[in-house]
Amino acid sequence: MRLELEENLPFVAIRVGYRGAEAVIGKVLIDTGSAGTLLSVDAVASIGLFPLPEDSLHTIRGIGGSEVVFSRRVDYLAVGDRALNGFEVEIGGMDYGFEIHGILGMDFLTRAGAVLDLSSLTIDFKTS
């Protein structure tokens, strides 16, 4: 699958399933420096993925600062035809001063067997 380079950063589109609904989310940054996967609350609201009163909030920190998020297990998260079922994501505001709808972190990349080829700007997946 081809990566899109914007501002010299690699982006990809993903699919997220939740309670039988699916969202296709573009402008998701592939970030090998991020331990976890984070999605914009605006990008997943259309499939009913929003904070509930019983959700616990926690703070994550990165180079851009800190952000309050909640976690949710989705039916699946997919890049191309590689999907991980029952995958846990963090969801937050993601107001970073530029358009971004998610961060695909090492939790997904390692479990999915991602192979990044930066010379050809592609992401593929090892077959098990």
Protein backbone atom coordinates (compact mmCIF):
# COMPACT_ATOMS: atom_id res chain seq x y z
CA MET A 1 0.00 0.00 0.00
CA ARG A 2 1.33 3.40 -0.96
CA LEU A 3 2.16 6.00 1.70
CA GLU A 4 1.32 9.65 1.13
CA LEU A 5 4.09 12.04 2.06
CA GLU A 6 2.97 15.41 3.45
CA GLU A 7 5.42 17.86 4.98
CA ASN A 8 7.89 14.95 4.69
CA LEU A 9 5.76 12.78 7.03
CA PRO A 10 4.23 9.40 6.03
CA PHE A 11 0.44 9.17 6.09
CA VAL A 12 -1.96 6.34 5.30
CA ALA A 13 -5.72 5.76 5.31
CA ILE A 14 -7.20 3.25 7.77
CA ARG A 15 -10.54 1.58 8.40
CA VAL A 16 -12.03 1.27 11.89
CA GLY A 17 -15.00 -0.90 12.77
CA TYR A 18 -17.05 -0.32 15.88
CA ARG A 19 -20.36 -1.96 16.81
CA GLY A 20 -21.07 -2.89 13.20
CA ALA A 21 -20.27 0.53 11.69
CA GLU A 22 -17.13 1.44 9.77
CA ALA A 23 -15.19 4.68 9.30
CA VAL A 24 -12.51 5.26 6.71
CA ILE A 25 -10.02 7.72 8.13
CA GLY A 26 -7.41 9.47 6.04
CA LYS A 27 -4.41 11.51 7.16
CA VAL A 28 -3.25 8.97 9.74
CA LEU A 29 0.44 9.42 10.53
CA ILE A 30 2.65 6.34 10.65
CA ASP A 31 4.74 7.00 13.75
CA THR A 32 7.37 4.49 14.85
CA GLY A 33 8.15 6.83 17.74
CA SER A 34 4.67 6.41 19.21
CA ALA A 35 4.00 3.40 21.42
CA GLY A 36 0.24 3.58 20.91
CA THR A 37 -2.36 4.29 18.27
CA LEU A 38 -4.40 7.45 18.69
CA LEU A 39 -7.49 8.50 16.73
CA SER A 40 -9.21 11.87 16.55
CA VAL A 41 -12.54 11.97 18.34
CA ASP A 42 -13.95 13.88 15.35
CA ALA A 43 -12.87 11.12 12.94
CA VAL A 44 -14.67 8.35 14.84
CA ALA A 45 -17.80 10.18 16.07
CA SER A 46 -19.73 9.07 12.96
CA ILE A 47 -19.55 5.44 14.12
CA GLY A 48 -20.65 6.23 17.67
CA LEU A 49 -17.22 6.14 19.22
CA PHE A 50 -17.27 8.92 21.79
CA PRO A 51 -16.53 9.18 25.51
CA LEU A 52 -19.00 7.58 27.90
CA PRO A 53 -19.52 8.54 31.54
CA GLU A 54 -17.90 5.29 32.69
CA ASP A 55 -14.74 5.83 30.61
CA SER A 56 -11.63 6.67 32.55
CA LEU A 57 -9.53 9.46 31.14
CA HIS A 58 -5.76 9.45 31.16
CA THR A 59 -3.02 11.75 29.98
CA ILE A 60 -0.58 10.81 27.24
CA ARG A 61 2.64 12.68 26.57
CA GLY A 62 4.69 13.12 23.45
CA ILE A 63 6.99 15.56 21.77
CA GLY A 64 4.01 17.83 21.01
CA GLY A 65 2.96 18.00 24.67
CA SER A 66 0.26 16.18 26.61
CA GLU A 67 -3.33 15.30 25.85
CA VAL A 68 -6.24 13.76 27.75
CA VAL A 69 -7.63 10.64 26.02
CA PHE A 70 -9.89 7.68 26.63
CA SER A 71 -9.32 4.11 25.44
CA ARG A 72 -11.70 1.84 23.60
CA ARG A 73 -11.47 -1.62 22.05
CA VAL A 74 -12.72 -1.46 18.46
CA ASP A 75 -14.06 -4.36 16.40
CA TYR A 76 -11.07 -3.99 14.08
CA LEU A 77 -8.49 -1.55 12.81
CA ALA A 78 -7.25 -2.14 9.25
CA VAL A 79 -4.62 -0.80 6.91
CA GLY A 80 -5.19 -2.09 3.40
CA ASP A 81 -6.26 -5.70 3.81
CA ARG A 82 -4.42 -6.25 7.14
CA ALA A 83 -6.88 -6.01 10.02
CA LEU A 84 -6.40 -6.55 13.73
CA ASN A 85 -9.58 -7.59 15.52
CA GLY A 86 -10.37 -6.38 19.03
CA PHE A 87 -7.69 -3.69 18.82
CA GLU A 88 -7.47 -1.07 21.58
CA VAL A 89 -7.05 2.56 20.54
CA GLU A 90 -6.79 5.85 22.38
CA ILE A 91 -9.12 8.65 21.34
CA GLY A 92 -8.53 12.35 21.85
CA GLY A 93 -8.85 15.83 20.41
CA MET A 94 -5.60 15.79 18.40
CA ASP A 95 -5.41 19.57 18.06
CA TYR A 96 -1.80 19.83 16.90
CA GLY A 97 -2.02 22.88 14.63
CA PHE A 98 -2.15 20.89 11.38
CA GLU A 99 -4.64 18.45 9.85
CA ILE A 100 -4.16 14.95 11.24
CA HIS A 101 -6.84 12.39 12.06
CA GLY A 102 -4.78 9.73 13.78
CA ILE A 103 -1.42 8.26 14.68
CA LEU A 104 -0.68 4.64 13.81
CA GLY A 105 1.75 3.59 16.52
CA MET A 106 4.07 0.71 17.21
CA ASP A 107 1.33 -1.30 18.93
CA PHE A 108 -0.41 -1.77 15.56
CA LEU A 109 2.71 -1.82 13.40
CA THR A 110 4.41 -4.65 15.32
CA ARG A 111 1.31 -6.80 15.87
CA ALA A 112 0.35 -6.48 12.21
CA GLY A 113 3.87 -7.31 10.98
CA ALA A 114 4.25 -4.02 9.11
CA VAL A 115 7.16 -3.62 6.73
CA LEU A 116 7.89 0.00 5.85
CA ASP A 117 9.85 0.63 2.66
CA LEU A 118 10.72 4.28 2.72
CA SER A 119 12.58 4.20 -0.59
CA SER A 120 9.37 3.22 -2.38
CA LEU A 121 7.04 4.83 0.21
CA THR A 122 5.03 1.68 0.85
CA ILE A 123 3.71 -0.26 3.80
CA ASP A 124 3.22 -4.01 3.44
CA PHE A 125 2.65 -6.78 5.95
CA LYS A 126 4.42 -10.07 6.58
CA THR A 127 2.24 -13.09 6.07
CA SER A 128 2.02 -15.34 9.10
